[in-house]
Amino acid sequence: MNSEYIISKDQIKWINDKYGGSLRTDAEIETALSLGRGKAVFRKIAYLWRAILVGHPFTDGNKRTALMSALAILENSKIKTGKKVNESLVLEITKIAMENITDVGRIERLIRYAVTGN
């Protein structure tokens, strides 16, 4: 799906606010949203995850914000998720954060596999 972003910077900030974080800098989120324009849904999420999980733009709740933002994008893209997909996404988020993975192509493959199994 190549539709434009189905989540805004303000929505991402709102999600993070629910988890007790606050925004340090929005430059990386702005860049991720810009780079994702016109890209497929998994690439959009990959740019956003790299910005959130590696860049740590929030004081707290970066991993939770990454998960909930991805789920919102997937839902708005009419891509079904459930408990198994959610658990797989959490594992990939943890891997990206722990290993400091910055390669957007690799992040995209991890997201695709977590969601589709392929």
PDB file of N, CA and C in Angstrom:
ATOM      1  N   MET A   1       0.847  -1.181   0.000  1.00  0.00           N
ATOM      2  CA  MET A   1       0.000   0.000   0.000  1.00  0.00           C
ATOM      3  C   MET A   1       0.886   1.236   0.000  1.00  0.00           C
ATOM      4  N   ASN A   2       0.651   2.159  -0.895  1.00  0.00           N
ATOM      5  CA  ASN A   2       1.494   3.328  -1.038  1.00  0.00           C
ATOM      6  C   ASN A   2       0.803   4.626  -0.642  1.00  0.00           C
ATOM      7  N   SER A   3      -0.222   4.560   0.172  1.00  0.00           N
ATOM      8  CA  SER A   3      -0.898   5.791   0.567  1.00  0.00           C
ATOM      9  C   SER A   3       0.027   6.617   1.456  1.00  0.00           C
ATOM     10  N   GLU A   4      -0.302   7.884   1.582  1.00  0.00           N
ATOM     11  CA  GLU A   4       0.521   8.741   2.421  1.00  0.00           C
ATOM     12  C   GLU A   4       0.389   8.313   3.877  1.00  0.00           C
ATOM     13  N   TYR A   5       1.197   8.936   4.702  1.00  0.00           N
ATOM     14  CA  TYR A   5       1.202   8.530   6.112  1.00  0.00           C
ATOM     15  C   TYR A   5      -0.202   8.569   6.682  1.00  0.00           C
ATOM     16  N   ILE A   6      -0.474   7.603   7.465  1.00  0.00           N
ATOM     17  CA  ILE A   6      -1.782   7.443   8.051  1.00  0.00           C
ATOM     18  C   ILE A   6      -1.669   7.699   9.545  1.00  0.00           C
ATOM     19  N   ILE A   7      -0.614   8.421   9.868  1.00  0.00           N
ATOM     20  CA  ILE A   7      -0.400   8.860  11.243  1.00  0.00           C
ATOM     21  C   ILE A   7       0.385  10.176  11.161  1.00  0.00           C
ATOM     22  N   SER A   8       0.094  11.057  12.062  1.00  0.00           N
ATOM     23  CA  SER A   8       0.774  12.357  12.041  1.00  0.00           C
ATOM     24  C   SER A   8       1.754  12.459  13.207  1.00  0.00           C
ATOM     25  N   LYS A   9       2.605  13.457  13.132  1.00  0.00           N
ATOM     26  CA  LYS A   9       3.546  13.713  14.221  1.00  0.00           C
ATOM     27  C   LYS A   9       2.786  13.981  15.516  1.00  0.00           C
ATOM     28  N   ASP A  10       1.694  14.716  15.427  1.00  0.00           N
ATOM     29  CA  ASP A  10       0.904  15.007  16.625  1.00  0.00           C
ATOM     30  C   ASP A  10       0.293  13.739  17.218  1.00  0.00           C
ATOM     31  N   GLN A  11      -0.136  12.815  16.373  1.00  0.00           N
ATOM     32  CA  GLN A  11      -0.680  11.552  16.877  1.00  0.00           C
ATOM     33  C   GLN A  11       0.408  10.722  17.554  1.00  0.00           C
ATOM     34  N   ILE A  12       1.599  10.726  16.987  1.00  0.00           N
ATOM     35  CA  ILE A  12       2.714   9.993  17.591  1.00  0.00           C
ATOM     36  C   ILE A  12       3.059  10.600  18.948  1.00  0.00           C
ATOM     37  N   LYS A  13       3.092  11.923  19.022  1.00  0.00           N
ATOM     38  CA  LYS A  13       3.350  12.596  20.298  1.00  0.00           C
ATOM     39  C   LYS A  13       2.249  12.274  21.310  1.00  0.00           C
ATOM     40  N   TRP A  14       1.002  12.204  20.859  1.00  0.00           N
ATOM     41  CA  TRP A  14      -0.121  11.869  21.743  1.00  0.00           C
ATOM     42  C   TRP A  14       0.033  10.442  22.285  1.00  0.00           C
ATOM     43  N   ILE A  15       0.424   9.517  21.408  1.00  0.00           N
ATOM     44  CA  ILE A  15       0.645   8.130  21.842  1.00  0.00           C
ATOM     45  C   ILE A  15       1.713   8.106  22.928  1.00  0.00           C
ATOM     46  N   ASN A  16       2.832   8.789  22.694  1.00  0.00           N
ATOM     47  CA  ASN A  16       3.909   8.788  23.676  1.00  0.00           C
ATOM     48  C   ASN A  16       3.474   9.425  24.987  1.00  0.00           C
ATOM     49  N   ASP A  17       2.695  10.477  24.895  1.00  0.00           N
ATOM     50  CA  ASP A  17       2.209  11.154  26.095  1.00  0.00           C
ATOM     51  C   ASP A  17       1.407  10.201  26.980  1.00  0.00           C
ATOM     52  N   LYS A  18       0.684   9.272  26.362  1.00  0.00           N
ATOM     53  CA  LYS A  18      -0.088   8.276  27.129  1.00  0.00           C
ATOM     54  C   LYS A  18       0.817   7.383  27.969  1.00  0.00           C
ATOM     55  N   TYR A  19       2.079   7.246  27.560  1.00  0.00           N
ATOM     56  CA  TYR A  19       3.018   6.387  28.276  1.00  0.00           C
ATOM     57  C   TYR A  19       3.957   7.171  29.179  1.00  0.00           C
ATOM     58  N   GLY A  20       3.656   8.421  29.403  1.00  0.00           N
ATOM     59  CA  GLY A  20       4.405   9.223  30.358  1.00  0.00           C
ATOM     60  C   GLY A  20       5.671   9.854  29.827  1.00  0.00           C
ATOM     61  N   GLY A  21       5.878   9.781  28.533  1.00  0.00           N
ATOM     62  CA  GLY A  21       7.066  10.401  27.957  1.00  0.00           C
ATOM     63  C   GLY A  21       6.781  11.823  27.533  1.00  0.00           C
ATOM     64  N   SER A  22       7.830  12.466  27.123  1.00  0.00           N
ATOM     65  CA  SER A  22       7.677  13.802  26.541  1.00  0.00           C
ATOM     66  C   SER A  22       8.707  13.928  25.427  1.00  0.00           C
ATOM     67  N   LEU A  23       8.413  14.779  24.497  1.00  0.00           N
ATOM     68  CA  LEU A  23       9.245  14.945  23.315  1.00  0.00           C
ATOM     69  C   LEU A  23      10.505  15.749  23.652  1.00  0.00           C
ATOM     70  N   ARG A  24      11.655  15.189  23.284  1.00  0.00           N
ATOM     71  CA  ARG A  24      12.928  15.911  23.411  1.00  0.00           C
ATOM     72  C   ARG A  24      13.172  16.730  22.154  1.00  0.00           C
ATOM     73  N   THR A  25      12.999  16.043  21.001  1.00  0.00           N
ATOM     74  CA  THR A  25      13.202  16.695  19.710  1.00  0.00           C
ATOM     75  C   THR A  25      12.346  15.977  18.670  1.00  0.00           C
ATOM     76  N   ASP A  26      11.752  16.738  17.780  1.00  0.00           N
ATOM     77  CA  ASP A  26      10.895  16.118  16.775  1.00  0.00           C
ATOM     78  C   ASP A  26      11.557  16.016  15.404  1.00  0.00           C
ATOM     79  N   ALA A  27      12.823  16.404  15.314  1.00  0.00           N
ATOM     80  CA  ALA A  27      13.510  16.416  14.016  1.00  0.00           C
ATOM     81  C   ALA A  27      13.541  15.024  13.383  1.00  0.00           C
ATOM     82  N   GLU A  28      13.855  13.999  14.158  1.00  0.00           N
ATOM     83  CA  GLU A  28      13.946  12.653  13.588  1.00  0.00           C
ATOM     84  C   GLU A  28      12.577  12.131  13.156  1.00  0.00           C
ATOM     85  N   ILE A  29      11.554  12.449  13.909  1.00  0.00           N
ATOM     86  CA  ILE A  29      10.202  12.026  13.526  1.00  0.00           C
ATOM     87  C   ILE A  29       9.794  12.734  12.239  1.00  0.00           C
ATOM     88  N   GLU A  30      10.061  14.023  12.159  1.00  0.00           N
ATOM     89  CA  GLU A  30       9.750  14.778  10.936  1.00  0.00           C
ATOM     90  C   GLU A  30      10.472  14.175   9.737  1.00  0.00           C
ATOM     91  N   THR A  31      11.743  13.848   9.910  1.00  0.00           N
ATOM     92  CA  THR A  31      12.531  13.256   8.827  1.00  0.00           C
ATOM     93  C   THR A  31      11.951  11.907   8.427  1.00  0.00           C
ATOM     94  N   ALA A  32      11.609  11.072   9.408  1.00  0.00           N
ATOM     95  CA  ALA A  32      11.051   9.750   9.120  1.00  0.00           C
ATOM     96  C   ALA A  32       9.745   9.872   8.344  1.00  0.00           C
ATOM     97  N   LEU A  33       8.883  10.769   8.751  1.00  0.00           N
ATOM     98  CA  LEU A  33       7.611  10.952   8.054  1.00  0.00           C
ATOM     99  C   LEU A  33       7.852  11.451   6.632  1.00  0.00           C
ATOM    100  N   SER A  34       8.821  12.335   6.470  1.00  0.00           N
ATOM    101  CA  SER A  34       9.146  12.856   5.146  1.00  0.00           C
ATOM    102  C   SER A  34       9.725  11.766   4.243  1.00  0.00           C
ATOM    103  N   LEU A  35      10.661  10.982   4.761  1.00  0.00           N
ATOM    104  CA  LEU A  35      11.273   9.914   3.968  1.00  0.00           C
ATOM    105  C   LEU A  35      10.264   8.836   3.576  1.00  0.00           C
ATOM    106  N   GLY A  36       9.251   8.646   4.394  1.00  0.00           N
ATOM    107  CA  GLY A  36       8.269   7.604   4.133  1.00  0.00           C
ATOM    108  C   GLY A  36       7.183   7.975   3.140  1.00  0.00           C
ATOM    109  N   ARG A  37       7.095   9.240   2.794  1.00  0.00           N
ATOM    110  CA  ARG A  37       6.050   9.661   1.844  1.00  0.00           C
ATOM    111  C   ARG A  37       6.166   8.899   0.539  1.00  0.00           C
ATOM    112  N   GLY A  38       5.066   8.314   0.114  1.00  0.00           N
ATOM    113  CA  GLY A  38       5.023   7.600  -1.149  1.00  0.00           C
ATOM    114  C   GLY A  38       5.585   6.193  -1.094  1.00  0.00           C
ATOM    115  N   LYS A  39       6.034   5.765   0.073  1.00  0.00           N
ATOM    116  CA  LYS A  39       6.618   4.432   0.218  1.00  0.00           C
ATOM    117  C   LYS A  39       5.550   3.439   0.690  1.00  0.00           C
ATOM    118  N   ALA A  40       5.858   2.148   0.545  1.00  0.00           N
ATOM    119  CA  ALA A  40       4.971   1.080   1.017  1.00  0.00           C
ATOM    120  C   ALA A  40       4.887   1.132   2.544  1.00  0.00           C
ATOM    121  N   VAL A  41       3.830   0.554   3.077  1.00  0.00           N
ATOM    122  CA  VAL A  41       3.524   0.670   4.500  1.00  0.00           C
ATOM    123  C   VAL A  41       4.651   0.144   5.398  1.00  0.00           C
ATOM    124  N   PHE A  42       5.279  -0.974   5.054  1.00  0.00           N
ATOM    125  CA  PHE A  42       6.345  -1.505   5.911  1.00  0.00           C
ATOM    126  C   PHE A  42       7.573  -0.596   5.891  1.00  0.00           C
ATOM    127  N   ARG A  43       7.843   0.056   4.785  1.00  0.00           N
ATOM    128  CA  ARG A  43       8.958   0.998   4.696  1.00  0.00           C
ATOM    129  C   ARG A  43       8.650   2.231   5.539  1.00  0.00           C
ATOM    130  N   LYS A  44       7.397   2.706   5.495  1.00  0.00           N
ATOM    131  CA  LYS A  44       6.999   3.847   6.317  1.00  0.00           C
ATOM    132  C   LYS A  44       7.270   3.549   7.794  1.00  0.00           C
ATOM    133  N   ILE A  45       6.830   2.370   8.227  1.00  0.00           N
ATOM    134  CA  ILE A  45       7.026   1.984   9.630  1.00  0.00           C
ATOM    135  C   ILE A  45       8.512   1.861   9.931  1.00  0.00           C
ATOM    136  N   ALA A  46       9.288   1.318   9.001  1.00  0.00           N
ATOM    137  CA  ALA A  46      10.726   1.151   9.214  1.00  0.00           C
ATOM    138  C   ALA A  46      11.412   2.496   9.460  1.00  0.00           C
ATOM    139  N   TYR A  47      11.088   3.497   8.661  1.00  0.00           N
ATOM    140  CA  TYR A  47      11.670   4.824   8.880  1.00  0.00           C
ATOM    141  C   TYR A  47      11.284   5.357  10.260  1.00  0.00           C
ATOM    142  N   LEU A  48      10.028   5.186  10.606  1.00  0.00           N
ATOM    143  CA  LEU A  48       9.547   5.675  11.894  1.00  0.00           C
ATOM    144  C   LEU A  48      10.214   4.931  13.046  1.00  0.00           C
ATOM    145  N   TRP A  49      10.312   3.613  12.930  1.00  0.00           N
ATOM    146  CA  TRP A  49      10.955   2.840  13.988  1.00  0.00           C
ATOM    147  C   TRP A  49      12.415   3.235  14.171  1.00  0.00           C
ATOM    148  N   ARG A  50      13.130   3.421  13.063  1.00  0.00           N
ATOM    149  CA  ARG A  50      14.537   3.822  13.193  1.00  0.00           C
ATOM    150  C   ARG A  50      14.618   5.145  13.949  1.00  0.00           C
ATOM    151  N   ALA A  51      13.740   6.075  13.612  1.00  0.00           N
ATOM    152  CA  ALA A  51      13.742   7.378  14.281  1.00  0.00           C
ATOM    153  C   ALA A  51      13.443   7.249  15.767  1.00  0.00           C
ATOM    154  N   ILE A  52      12.478   6.402  16.110  1.00  0.00           N
ATOM    155  CA  ILE A  52      12.056   6.283  17.507  1.00  0.00           C
ATOM    156  C   ILE A  52      12.979   5.374  18.314  1.00  0.00           C
ATOM    157  N   LEU A  53      13.322   4.208  17.757  1.00  0.00           N
ATOM    158  CA  LEU A  53      14.077   3.213  18.523  1.00  0.00           C
ATOM    159  C   LEU A  53      15.570   3.505  18.596  1.00  0.00           C
ATOM    160  N   VAL A  54      16.104   4.152  17.584  1.00  0.00           N
ATOM    161  CA  VAL A  54      17.527   4.466  17.575  1.00  0.00           C
ATOM    162  C   VAL A  54      17.756   5.918  17.999  1.00  0.00           C
ATOM    163  N   GLY A  55      16.890   6.804  17.535  1.00  0.00           N
ATOM    164  CA  GLY A  55      17.048   8.226  17.840  1.00  0.00           C
ATOM    165  C   GLY A  55      16.556   8.636  19.217  1.00  0.00           C
ATOM    166  N   HIS A  56      15.683   7.852  19.835  1.00  0.00           N
ATOM    167  CA  HIS A  56      15.123   8.145  21.166  1.00  0.00           C
ATOM    168  C   HIS A  56      14.641   9.587  21.300  1.00  0.00           C
ATOM    169  N   PRO A  57      13.641   9.979  20.481  1.00  0.00           N
ATOM    170  CA  PRO A  57      13.180  11.367  20.553  1.00  0.00           C
ATOM    171  C   PRO A  57      12.342  11.672  21.798  1.00  0.00           C
ATOM    172  N   PHE A  58      11.939  10.624  22.530  1.00  0.00           N
ATOM    173  CA  PHE A  58      11.100  10.821  23.712  1.00  0.00           C
ATOM    174  C   PHE A  58      11.891  10.504  24.979  1.00  0.00           C
ATOM    175  N   THR A  59      11.511  11.132  26.074  1.00  0.00           N
ATOM    176  CA  THR A  59      12.199  10.902  27.343  1.00  0.00           C
ATOM    177  C   THR A  59      11.911   9.512  27.891  1.00  0.00           C
ATOM    178  N   ASP A  60      10.773   8.933  27.531  1.00  0.00           N
ATOM    179  CA  ASP A  60      10.382   7.609  28.009  1.00  0.00           C
ATOM    180  C   ASP A  60       9.353   7.048  27.029  1.00  0.00           C
ATOM    181  N   GLY A  61       9.212   5.728  27.012  1.00  0.00           N
ATOM    182  CA  GLY A  61       8.168   5.093  26.225  1.00  0.00           C
ATOM    183  C   GLY A  61       8.458   4.988  24.738  1.00  0.00           C
ATOM    184  N   ASN A  62       9.717   5.025  24.346  1.00  0.00           N
ATOM    185  CA  ASN A  62      10.049   4.959  22.917  1.00  0.00           C
ATOM    186  C   ASN A  62       9.595   3.640  22.293  1.00  0.00           C
ATOM    187  N   LYS A  63       9.862   2.516  22.948  1.00  0.00           N
ATOM    188  CA  LYS A  63       9.476   1.218  22.383  1.00  0.00           C
ATOM    189  C   LYS A  63       7.952   1.069  22.326  1.00  0.00           C
ATOM    190  N   ARG A  64       7.280   1.490  23.365  1.00  0.00           N
ATOM    191  CA  ARG A  64       5.809   1.417  23.359  1.00  0.00           C
ATOM    192  C   ARG A  64       5.222   2.331  22.292  1.00  0.00           C
ATOM    193  N   THR A  65       5.817   3.493  22.123  1.00  0.00           N
ATOM    194  CA  THR A  65       5.356   4.420  21.092  1.00  0.00           C
ATOM    195  C   THR A  65       5.577   3.831  19.706  1.00  0.00           C
ATOM    196  N   ALA A  66       6.720   3.180  19.503  1.00  0.00           N
ATOM    197  CA  ALA A  66       7.003   2.537  18.215  1.00  0.00           C
ATOM    198  C   ALA A  66       5.957   1.468  17.917  1.00  0.00           C
ATOM    199  N   LEU A  67       5.650   0.643  18.906  1.00  0.00           N
ATOM    200  CA  LEU A  67       4.657  -0.420  18.709  1.00  0.00           C
ATOM    201  C   LEU A  67       3.283   0.162  18.399  1.00  0.00           C
ATOM    202  N   MET A  68       2.819   1.068  19.207  1.00  0.00           N
ATOM    203  CA  MET A  68       1.465   1.597  19.028  1.00  0.00           C
ATOM    204  C   MET A  68       1.339   2.412  17.745  1.00  0.00           C
ATOM    205  N   SER A  69       2.387   3.102  17.354  1.00  0.00           N
ATOM    206  CA  SER A  69       2.372   3.839  16.086  1.00  0.00           C
ATOM    207  C   SER A  69       2.278   2.873  14.913  1.00  0.00           C
ATOM    208  N   ALA A  70       3.060   1.795  14.982  1.00  0.00           N
ATOM    209  CA  ALA A  70       3.015   0.783  13.914  1.00  0.00           C
ATOM    210  C   ALA A  70       1.641   0.140  13.834  1.00  0.00           C
ATOM    211  N   LEU A  71       1.064  -0.193  14.970  1.00  0.00           N
ATOM    212  CA  LEU A  71      -0.268  -0.814  14.968  1.00  0.00           C
ATOM    213  C   LEU A  71      -1.316   0.132  14.386  1.00  0.00           C
ATOM    214  N   ALA A  72      -1.190   1.420  14.687  1.00  0.00           N
ATOM    215  CA  ALA A  72      -2.124   2.404  14.124  1.00  0.00           C
ATOM    216  C   ALA A  72      -1.975   2.480  12.611  1.00  0.00           C
ATOM    217  N   ILE A  73      -0.734   2.497  12.131  1.00  0.00           N
ATOM    218  CA  ILE A  73      -0.494   2.551  10.686  1.00  0.00           C
ATOM    219  C   ILE A  73      -1.034   1.292  10.013  1.00  0.00           C
ATOM    220  N   LEU A  74      -0.768   0.134  10.600  1.00  0.00           N
ATOM    221  CA  LEU A  74      -1.249  -1.125  10.026  1.00  0.00           C
ATOM    222  C   LEU A  74      -2.776  -1.160   9.997  1.00  0.00           C
ATOM    223  N   GLU A  75      -3.395  -0.743  11.090  1.00  0.00           N
ATOM    224  CA  GLU A  75      -4.860  -0.734  11.143  1.00  0.00           C
ATOM    225  C   GLU A  75      -5.437   0.217  10.100  1.00  0.00           C
ATOM    226  N   ASN A  76      -4.864   1.395   9.991  1.00  0.00           N
ATOM    227  CA  ASN A  76      -5.347   2.365   9.012  1.00  0.00           C
ATOM    228  C   ASN A  76      -5.090   1.922   7.581  1.00  0.00           C
ATOM    229  N   SER A  77      -4.144   0.992   7.419  1.00  0.00           N
ATOM    230  CA  SER A  77      -3.845   0.432   6.095  1.00  0.00           C
ATOM    231  C   SER A  77      -4.653  -0.830   5.824  1.00  0.00           C
ATOM    232  N   LYS A  78      -5.547  -1.160   6.736  1.00  0.00           N
ATOM    233  CA  LYS A  78      -6.408  -2.345   6.615  1.00  0.00           C
ATOM    234  C   LYS A  78      -5.609  -3.653   6.650  1.00  0.00           C
ATOM    235  N   ILE A  79      -4.481  -3.638   7.367  1.00  0.00           N
ATOM    236  CA  ILE A  79      -3.676  -4.846   7.548  1.00  0.00           C
ATOM    237  C   ILE A  79      -4.021  -5.423   8.913  1.00  0.00           C
ATOM    238  N   LYS A  80      -4.470  -6.661   8.911  1.00  0.00           N
ATOM    239  CA  LYS A  80      -4.923  -7.319  10.135  1.00  0.00           C
ATOM    240  C   LYS A  80      -3.750  -7.619  11.060  1.00  0.00           C
ATOM    241  N   THR A  81      -3.974  -7.377  12.328  1.00  0.00           N
ATOM    242  CA  THR A  81      -3.008  -7.759  13.353  1.00  0.00           C
ATOM    243  C   THR A  81      -3.770  -8.538  14.420  1.00  0.00           C
ATOM    244  N   GLY A  82      -3.062  -9.095  15.319  1.00  0.00           N
ATOM    245  CA  GLY A  82      -3.646  -9.834  16.426  1.00  0.00           C
ATOM    246  C   GLY A  82      -2.554 -10.102  17.433  1.00  0.00           C
ATOM    247  N   LYS A  83      -2.858 -10.944  18.395  1.00  0.00           N
ATOM    248  CA  LYS A  83      -1.925 -11.213  19.478  1.00  0.00           C
ATOM    249  C   LYS A  83      -0.575 -11.710  18.954  1.00  0.00           C
ATOM    250  N   LYS A  84      -0.592 -12.641  18.001  1.00  0.00           N
ATOM    251  CA  LYS A  84       0.653 -13.202  17.480  1.00  0.00           C
ATOM    252  C   LYS A  84       1.490 -12.132  16.781  1.00  0.00           C
ATOM    253  N   VAL A  85       0.844 -11.307  15.950  1.00  0.00           N
ATOM    254  CA  VAL A  85       1.563 -10.229  15.259  1.00  0.00           C
ATOM    255  C   VAL A  85       2.110  -9.234  16.277  1.00  0.00           C
ATOM    256  N   ASN A  86       1.296  -8.861  17.251  1.00  0.00           N
ATOM    257  CA  ASN A  86       1.738  -7.916  18.272  1.00  0.00           C
ATOM    258  C   ASN A  86       2.969  -8.435  19.010  1.00  0.00           C
ATOM    259  N   GLU A  87       2.935  -9.723  19.379  1.00  0.00           N
ATOM    260  CA  GLU A  87       4.077 -10.313  20.079  1.00  0.00           C
ATOM    261  C   GLU A  87       5.315 -10.334  19.183  1.00  0.00           C
ATOM    262  N   SER A  88       5.128 -10.640  17.910  1.00  0.00           N
ATOM    263  CA  SER A  88       6.255 -10.652  16.969  1.00  0.00           C
ATOM    264  C   SER A  88       6.835  -9.252  16.802  1.00  0.00           C
ATOM    265  N   LEU A  89       5.974  -8.250  16.732  1.00  0.00           N
ATOM    266  CA  LEU A  89       6.450  -6.871  16.607  1.00  0.00           C
ATOM    267  C   LEU A  89       7.238  -6.453  17.846  1.00  0.00           C
ATOM    268  N   VAL A  90       6.785  -6.858  19.020  1.00  0.00           N
ATOM    269  CA  VAL A  90       7.506  -6.535  20.258  1.00  0.00           C
ATOM    270  C   VAL A  90       8.907  -7.145  20.231  1.00  0.00           C
ATOM    271  N   LEU A  91       9.015  -8.383  19.769  1.00  0.00           N
ATOM    272  CA  LEU A  91      10.329  -9.030  19.674  1.00  0.00           C
ATOM    273  C   LEU A  91      11.254  -8.265  18.724  1.00  0.00           C
ATOM    274  N   GLU A  92      10.706  -7.828  17.592  1.00  0.00           N
ATOM    275  CA  GLU A  92      11.523  -7.092  16.626  1.00  0.00           C
ATOM    276  C   GLU A  92      11.913  -5.715  17.152  1.00  0.00           C
ATOM    277  N   ILE A  93      11.007  -5.065  17.849  1.00  0.00           N
ATOM    278  CA  ILE A  93      11.311  -3.763  18.459  1.00  0.00           C
ATOM    279  C   ILE A  93      12.470  -3.915  19.435  1.00  0.00           C
ATOM    280  N   THR A  94      12.402  -4.949  20.253  1.00  0.00           N
ATOM    281  CA  THR A  94      13.458  -5.197  21.231  1.00  0.00           C
ATOM    282  C   THR A  94      14.791  -5.458  20.535  1.00  0.00           C
ATOM    283  N   LYS A  95      14.758  -6.252  19.468  1.00  0.00           N
ATOM    284  CA  LYS A  95      15.980  -6.556  18.716  1.00  0.00           C
ATOM    285  C   LYS A  95      16.579  -5.280  18.126  1.00  0.00           C
ATOM    286  N   ILE A  96      15.755  -4.461  17.504  1.00  0.00           N
ATOM    287  CA  ILE A  96      16.235  -3.229  16.878  1.00  0.00           C
ATOM    288  C   ILE A  96      16.846  -2.300  17.922  1.00  0.00           C
ATOM    289  N   ALA A  97      16.163  -2.159  19.048  1.00  0.00           N
ATOM    290  CA  ALA A  97      16.653  -1.265  20.099  1.00  0.00           C
ATOM    291  C   ALA A  97      17.937  -1.798  20.735  1.00  0.00           C
ATOM    292  N   MET A  98      17.976  -3.087  21.030  1.00  0.00           N
ATOM    293  CA  MET A  98      19.142  -3.680  21.702  1.00  0.00           C
ATOM    294  C   MET A  98      20.373  -3.719  20.789  1.00  0.00           C
ATOM    295  N   GLU A  99      20.147  -4.013  19.503  1.00  0.00           N
ATOM    296  CA  GLU A  99      21.264  -4.128  18.567  1.00  0.00           C
ATOM    297  C   GLU A  99      21.561  -2.819  17.839  1.00  0.00           C
ATOM    298  N   ASN A 100      20.776  -1.785  18.136  1.00  0.00           N
ATOM    299  CA  ASN A 100      20.950  -0.468  17.523  1.00  0.00           C
ATOM    300  C   ASN A 100      20.979  -0.584  15.989  1.00  0.00           C
ATOM    301  N   ILE A 101      19.993  -1.286  15.443  1.00  0.00           N
ATOM    302  CA  ILE A 101      19.917  -1.514  14.002  1.00  0.00           C
ATOM    303  C   ILE A 101      19.470  -0.223  13.319  1.00  0.00           C
ATOM    304  N   THR A 102      20.265   0.238  12.370  1.00  0.00           N
ATOM    305  CA  THR A 102      19.953   1.496  11.679  1.00  0.00           C
ATOM    306  C   THR A 102      19.606   1.291  10.208  1.00  0.00           C
ATOM    307  N   ASP A 103      19.842   0.116   9.672  1.00  0.00           N
ATOM    308  CA  ASP A 103      19.575  -0.180   8.263  1.00  0.00           C
ATOM    309  C   ASP A 103      18.062  -0.289   8.044  1.00  0.00           C
ATOM    310  N   VAL A 104      17.494   0.688   7.334  1.00  0.00           N
ATOM    311  CA  VAL A 104      16.048   0.733   7.124  1.00  0.00           C
ATOM    312  C   VAL A 104      15.555  -0.504   6.369  1.00  0.00           C
ATOM    313  N   GLY A 105      16.343  -0.993   5.415  1.00  0.00           N
ATOM    314  CA  GLY A 105      15.963  -2.200   4.686  1.00  0.00           C
ATOM    315  C   GLY A 105      15.838  -3.396   5.608  1.00  0.00           C
ATOM    316  N   ARG A 106      16.781  -3.532   6.518  1.00  0.00           N
ATOM    317  CA  ARG A 106      16.709  -4.646   7.483  1.00  0.00           C
ATOM    318  C   ARG A 106      15.524  -4.477   8.417  1.00  0.00           C
ATOM    319  N   ILE A 107      15.306  -3.265   8.897  1.00  0.00           N
ATOM    320  CA  ILE A 107      14.161  -3.008   9.773  1.00  0.00           C
ATOM    321  C   ILE A 107      12.865  -3.335   9.040  1.00  0.00           C
ATOM    322  N   GLU A 108      12.771  -2.931   7.788  1.00  0.00           N
ATOM    323  CA  GLU A 108      11.573  -3.219   6.991  1.00  0.00           C
ATOM    324  C   GLU A 108      11.349  -4.733   6.875  1.00  0.00           C
ATOM    325  N   ARG A 109      12.407  -5.496   6.626  1.00  0.00           N
ATOM    326  CA  ARG A 109      12.279  -6.957   6.526  1.00  0.00           C
ATOM    327  C   ARG A 109      11.815  -7.564   7.849  1.00  0.00           C
ATOM    328  N   LEU A 110      12.322  -7.051   8.971  1.00  0.00           N
ATOM    329  CA  LEU A 110      11.901  -7.544  10.281  1.00  0.00           C
ATOM    330  C   LEU A 110      10.411  -7.272  10.513  1.00  0.00           C
ATOM    331  N   ILE A 111       9.963  -6.099  10.129  1.00  0.00           N
ATOM    332  CA  ILE A 111       8.548  -5.726  10.290  1.00  0.00           C
ATOM    333  C   ILE A 111       7.691  -6.608   9.392  1.00  0.00           C
ATOM    334  N   ARG A 112       8.072  -6.743   8.133  1.00  0.00           N
ATOM    335  CA  ARG A 112       7.303  -7.557   7.184  1.00  0.00           C
ATOM    336  C   ARG A 112       7.160  -8.999   7.691  1.00  0.00           C
ATOM    337  N   TYR A 113       8.269  -9.550   8.160  1.00  0.00           N
ATOM    338  CA  TYR A 113       8.239 -10.937   8.659  1.00  0.00           C
ATOM    339  C   TYR A 113       7.329 -11.044   9.887  1.00  0.00           C
ATOM    340  N   ALA A 114       7.410 -10.072  10.793  1.00  0.00           N
ATOM    341  CA  ALA A 114       6.574 -10.099  11.996  1.00  0.00           C
ATOM    342  C   ALA A 114       5.092 -10.048  11.656  1.00  0.00           C
ATOM    343  N   VAL A 115       4.754  -9.308  10.602  1.00  0.00           N
ATOM    344  CA  VAL A 115       3.348  -9.111  10.244  1.00  0.00           C
ATOM    345  C   VAL A 115       2.827 -10.218   9.327  1.00  0.00           C
ATOM    346  N   THR A 116       3.648 -10.616   8.341  1.00  0.00           N
ATOM    347  CA  THR A 116       3.146 -11.551   7.326  1.00  0.00           C
ATOM    348  C   THR A 116       3.722 -12.968   7.447  1.00  0.00           C
ATOM    349  N   GLY A 117       4.843 -13.100   8.156  1.00  0.00           N
ATOM    350  CA  GLY A 117       5.503 -14.403   8.228  1.00  0.00           C
ATOM    351  C   GLY A 117       6.368 -14.677   7.015  1.00  0.00           C
ATOM    352  N   ASN A 118       6.453 -13.717   6.096  1.00  0.00           N
ATOM    353  CA  ASN A 118       7.288 -13.863   4.897  1.00  0.00           C
ATOM    354  C   ASN A 118       8.401 -12.858   4.871  1.00  0.00           C
TER     355      ASN A 118
END
